[in-house]
C-alpha cells in the first residue's frame, strides 16, 4: 500500500515538473519577443535622435533590431537573415 502511494506521489511530482517546464519554455519565448520589441523601439528612438541631431543623417539606412547593423534595404536584410525570428 505504501509503495502504491509513493508511486502515485512520484507521478504527481512528474506532472508538476512537466507543467512548470512548459511554463518556463513559454516564458523564455515571450521574453525573447520582448527583447526584440524593446530593441525595435530603442532603434526607432535612436533614429529620431540622430535625425534631430545630425542634419546630414542618411535616412536611407535603417538599423536592424535583430543584429544592430544598418542597411539600405532593411526589409530585404530581415527576410534574408532573420526570417525565423
N, C-alpha and C. Protein backbone atom coordinates (compact mmCIF):
# COMPACT_ATOMS: atom_id res chain seq x y z
N UNK A 1 0.84 -1.20 0.00
CA UNK A 1 0.00 0.00 0.00
C UNK A 1 0.87 1.26 0.00
N UNK A 2 1.88 1.27 0.84
CA UNK A 2 2.78 2.42 0.94
C UNK A 2 3.51 2.66 -0.39
N UNK A 3 3.91 1.57 -1.03
CA UNK A 3 4.62 1.69 -2.31
C UNK A 3 3.70 2.31 -3.36
N UNK A 4 2.44 1.92 -3.39
CA UNK A 4 1.49 2.49 -4.34
C UNK A 4 1.33 3.99 -4.12
N UNK A 5 1.30 4.39 -2.88
CA UNK A 5 1.19 5.82 -2.56
C UNK A 5 2.43 6.58 -3.04
N UNK A 6 3.59 5.97 -2.85
CA UNK A 6 4.82 6.61 -3.30
C UNK A 6 4.87 6.73 -4.83
N UNK A 7 4.40 5.69 -5.51
CA UNK A 7 4.36 5.73 -6.97
C UNK A 7 3.42 6.84 -7.43
N UNK A 8 2.25 6.93 -6.79
CA UNK A 8 1.28 7.98 -7.13
C UNK A 8 1.88 9.36 -6.87
N UNK A 9 2.60 9.49 -5.78
CA UNK A 9 3.23 10.77 -5.44
C UNK A 9 4.28 11.16 -6.48
N UNK A 10 5.07 10.19 -6.94
CA UNK A 10 6.08 10.50 -7.96
C UNK A 10 5.41 10.89 -9.28
N UNK A 11 4.27 10.27 -9.59
CA UNK A 11 3.53 10.66 -10.78
C UNK A 11 3.07 12.11 -10.68
N UNK A 12 2.60 12.49 -9.52
CA UNK A 12 2.16 13.87 -9.30
C UNK A 12 3.34 14.84 -9.42
N UNK A 13 4.48 14.45 -8.88
CA UNK A 13 5.68 15.29 -8.97
C UNK A 13 6.08 15.46 -10.44
N UNK A 14 6.01 14.39 -11.22
CA UNK A 14 6.34 14.47 -12.65
C UNK A 14 5.37 15.38 -13.40
N UNK A 15 4.08 15.32 -13.04
CA UNK A 15 3.09 16.20 -13.68
C UNK A 15 3.42 17.66 -13.39
N UNK A 16 3.75 17.94 -12.14
CA UNK A 16 4.10 19.31 -11.75
C UNK A 16 5.35 19.77 -12.50
N UNK A 17 6.35 18.88 -12.56
CA UNK A 17 7.59 19.19 -13.27
C UNK A 17 7.32 19.54 -14.73
N UNK A 18 6.54 18.69 -15.40
CA UNK A 18 6.25 18.91 -16.82
C UNK A 18 5.47 20.21 -17.04
N UNK A 19 4.54 20.48 -16.15
CA UNK A 19 3.76 21.71 -16.25
C UNK A 19 4.66 22.94 -16.09
N UNK A 20 5.54 22.90 -15.11
CA UNK A 20 6.42 24.04 -14.88
C UNK A 20 7.45 24.19 -16.00
N UNK A 21 7.90 23.07 -16.54
CA UNK A 21 8.85 23.13 -17.66
C UNK A 21 8.19 23.80 -18.86
N UNK A 22 6.93 23.44 -19.12
CA UNK A 22 6.20 24.05 -20.23
C UNK A 22 6.03 25.55 -19.99
N UNK A 23 5.70 25.91 -18.77
CA UNK A 23 5.53 27.33 -18.43
C UNK A 23 6.83 28.10 -18.61
N UNK A 24 7.93 27.50 -18.19
CA UNK A 24 9.24 28.15 -18.34
C UNK A 24 9.58 28.36 -19.81
N UNK A 25 9.31 27.36 -20.63
CA UNK A 25 9.59 27.48 -22.06
C UNK A 25 8.76 28.60 -22.69
N UNK A 26 7.50 28.70 -22.28
CA UNK A 26 6.66 29.78 -22.79
C UNK A 26 7.18 31.13 -22.32
N UNK A 27 7.63 31.21 -21.08
CA UNK A 27 8.17 32.47 -20.56
C UNK A 27 9.44 32.86 -21.30
N UNK A 28 10.29 31.90 -21.59
CA UNK A 28 11.52 32.17 -22.34
C UNK A 28 11.18 32.72 -23.72
N UNK A 29 10.22 32.08 -24.39
CA UNK A 29 9.81 32.53 -25.72
C UNK A 29 9.25 33.95 -25.67
N UNK A 30 8.41 34.23 -24.71
CA UNK A 30 7.84 35.57 -24.57
C UNK A 30 8.92 36.60 -24.24
N UNK A 31 9.89 36.19 -23.42
CA UNK A 31 10.98 37.09 -23.06
C UNK A 31 11.81 37.46 -24.30
N UNK A 32 12.05 36.49 -25.17
CA UNK A 32 12.79 36.76 -26.40
C UNK A 32 12.03 37.74 -27.29
N UNK A 33 10.70 37.59 -27.35
CA UNK A 33 9.89 38.52 -28.14
C UNK A 33 9.95 39.92 -27.54
N UNK A 34 9.94 39.99 -26.21
CA UNK A 34 10.04 41.30 -25.55
C UNK A 34 11.37 41.97 -25.84
N UNK A 35 12.44 41.19 -25.86
CA UNK A 35 13.77 41.75 -26.15
C UNK A 35 13.77 42.36 -27.55
N UNK A 36 13.22 41.64 -28.51
CA UNK A 36 13.19 42.15 -29.89
C UNK A 36 12.34 43.41 -29.97
N UNK A 37 11.19 43.39 -29.30
CA UNK A 37 10.32 44.58 -29.31
C UNK A 37 11.03 45.77 -28.66
N UNK A 38 11.72 45.51 -27.57
CA UNK A 38 12.46 46.57 -26.90
C UNK A 38 13.54 47.15 -27.79
N UNK A 39 14.25 46.28 -28.50
CA UNK A 39 15.29 46.75 -29.42
C UNK A 39 14.68 47.58 -30.55
N UNK A 40 13.55 47.11 -31.06
CA UNK A 40 12.88 47.84 -32.14
C UNK A 40 12.53 49.25 -31.71
N UNK A 41 11.94 49.36 -30.54
CA UNK A 41 11.58 50.68 -30.01
C UNK A 41 12.82 51.53 -29.80
N UNK A 42 13.86 50.93 -29.22
CA UNK A 42 15.11 51.66 -28.97
C UNK A 42 15.71 52.19 -30.27
N UNK A 43 15.76 51.34 -31.29
CA UNK A 43 16.37 51.75 -32.55
C UNK A 43 15.54 52.83 -33.24
N UNK A 44 14.23 52.74 -33.14
CA UNK A 44 13.39 53.80 -33.72
C UNK A 44 13.64 55.13 -33.02
N UNK A 45 13.75 55.07 -31.70
CA UNK A 45 14.03 56.29 -30.94
C UNK A 45 15.41 56.83 -31.28
N UNK A 46 16.40 55.93 -31.45
CA UNK A 46 17.74 56.38 -31.83
C UNK A 46 17.72 57.07 -33.19
N UNK A 47 16.93 56.53 -34.12
CA UNK A 47 16.83 57.16 -35.43
C UNK A 47 16.27 58.56 -35.32
N UNK A 48 15.27 58.73 -34.48
CA UNK A 48 14.69 60.06 -34.28
C UNK A 48 15.73 61.00 -33.70
N UNK A 49 16.50 60.51 -32.72
CA UNK A 49 17.55 61.34 -32.11
C UNK A 49 18.58 61.73 -33.16
N UNK A 50 19.03 60.76 -33.97
CA UNK A 50 20.03 61.06 -34.99
C UNK A 50 19.51 62.08 -36.00
N UNK A 51 18.24 61.93 -36.38
CA UNK A 51 17.66 62.88 -37.33
C UNK A 51 17.62 64.28 -36.75
N UNK A 52 17.33 64.37 -35.47
CA UNK A 52 17.27 65.68 -34.82
C UNK A 52 18.65 66.28 -34.63
N UNK A 53 19.65 65.45 -34.34
CA UNK A 53 20.99 65.95 -34.04
C UNK A 53 21.83 66.18 -35.29
N UNK A 54 21.65 65.35 -36.30
CA UNK A 54 22.52 65.39 -37.47
C UNK A 54 21.73 65.78 -38.71
N UNK A 55 22.00 66.94 -39.25
CA UNK A 55 21.27 67.39 -40.44
C UNK A 55 21.66 66.58 -41.67
N UNK A 56 22.81 65.90 -41.61
CA UNK A 56 23.24 65.09 -42.74
C UNK A 56 22.92 63.61 -42.52
N UNK A 57 21.93 63.35 -41.71
CA UNK A 57 21.54 61.96 -41.40
C UNK A 57 21.13 61.22 -42.68
N UNK A 58 21.68 60.04 -42.85
CA UNK A 58 21.36 59.23 -44.02
C UNK A 58 20.09 58.43 -43.74
N UNK A 59 18.97 58.97 -44.17
CA UNK A 59 17.69 58.33 -43.88
C UNK A 59 17.46 57.07 -44.71
N UNK A 60 18.33 56.83 -45.66
CA UNK A 60 18.18 55.63 -46.48
C UNK A 60 18.56 54.37 -45.71
N UNK A 61 19.43 54.50 -44.73
CA UNK A 61 19.85 53.34 -43.95
C UNK A 61 19.03 53.23 -42.68
N UNK A 62 18.64 51.98 -42.39
CA UNK A 62 17.88 51.73 -41.17
C UNK A 62 18.60 50.67 -40.36
N UNK A 63 18.46 50.77 -39.05
CA UNK A 63 19.14 49.86 -38.14
C UNK A 63 18.28 48.61 -37.92
N UNK A 64 18.91 47.45 -38.00
CA UNK A 64 18.21 46.18 -37.79
C UNK A 64 18.04 45.92 -36.30
N UNK A 65 16.80 45.60 -35.90
CA UNK A 65 16.53 45.36 -34.48
C UNK A 65 17.06 44.00 -34.01
N UNK A 66 17.47 43.14 -34.96
CA UNK A 66 17.98 41.82 -34.59
C UNK A 66 19.49 41.82 -34.40
N UNK A 67 20.22 42.50 -35.29
CA UNK A 67 21.68 42.43 -35.22
C UNK A 67 22.35 43.78 -35.04
N UNK A 68 21.60 44.86 -34.98
CA UNK A 68 22.09 46.21 -34.70
C UNK A 68 22.92 46.83 -35.82
N UNK A 69 22.94 46.23 -37.00
CA UNK A 69 23.68 46.81 -38.12
C UNK A 69 22.73 47.65 -38.97
N UNK A 70 23.30 48.55 -39.79
CA UNK A 70 22.47 49.43 -40.63
C UNK A 70 22.45 48.92 -42.07
N UNK A 71 21.27 49.02 -42.69
CA UNK A 71 21.09 48.53 -44.04
C UNK A 71 20.24 49.49 -44.85
N UNK A 72 20.54 49.57 -46.14
CA UNK A 72 19.75 50.40 -47.03
C UNK A 72 18.38 49.77 -47.24
N UNK A 73 18.35 48.46 -47.46
CA UNK A 73 17.09 47.75 -47.63
C UNK A 73 16.88 46.84 -46.42
N UNK A 74 16.35 47.39 -45.37
CA UNK A 74 16.21 46.66 -44.10
C UNK A 74 15.26 45.48 -44.24
N UNK A 75 14.16 45.64 -44.96
CA UNK A 75 13.20 44.54 -45.10
C UNK A 75 13.84 43.34 -45.80
N UNK A 76 14.64 43.59 -46.82
CA UNK A 76 15.32 42.51 -47.53
C UNK A 76 16.31 41.81 -46.60
N UNK A 77 17.06 42.58 -45.84
CA UNK A 77 18.02 42.02 -44.89
C UNK A 77 17.31 41.13 -43.87
N UNK A 78 16.21 41.62 -43.30
CA UNK A 78 15.49 40.85 -42.28
C UNK A 78 14.92 39.57 -42.87
N UNK A 79 14.31 39.66 -44.05
CA UNK A 79 13.73 38.45 -44.64
C UNK A 79 14.81 37.43 -45.01
N UNK A 80 15.99 37.91 -45.37
CA UNK A 80 17.08 37.01 -45.76
C UNK A 80 17.78 36.40 -44.54
N UNK A 81 18.01 37.21 -43.51
CA UNK A 81 18.84 36.76 -42.39
C UNK A 81 18.10 36.46 -41.10
N UNK A 82 16.91 36.98 -40.94
CA UNK A 82 16.21 36.81 -39.66
C UNK A 82 14.78 36.32 -39.83
N UNK A 83 14.48 35.66 -40.92
CA UNK A 83 13.10 35.27 -41.19
C UNK A 83 12.56 34.26 -40.18
N UNK A 84 13.44 33.54 -39.46
CA UNK A 84 12.99 32.56 -38.47
C UNK A 84 12.56 33.22 -37.19
N UNK A 85 13.01 34.45 -36.91
CA UNK A 85 12.74 35.12 -35.63
C UNK A 85 11.36 35.64 -35.54
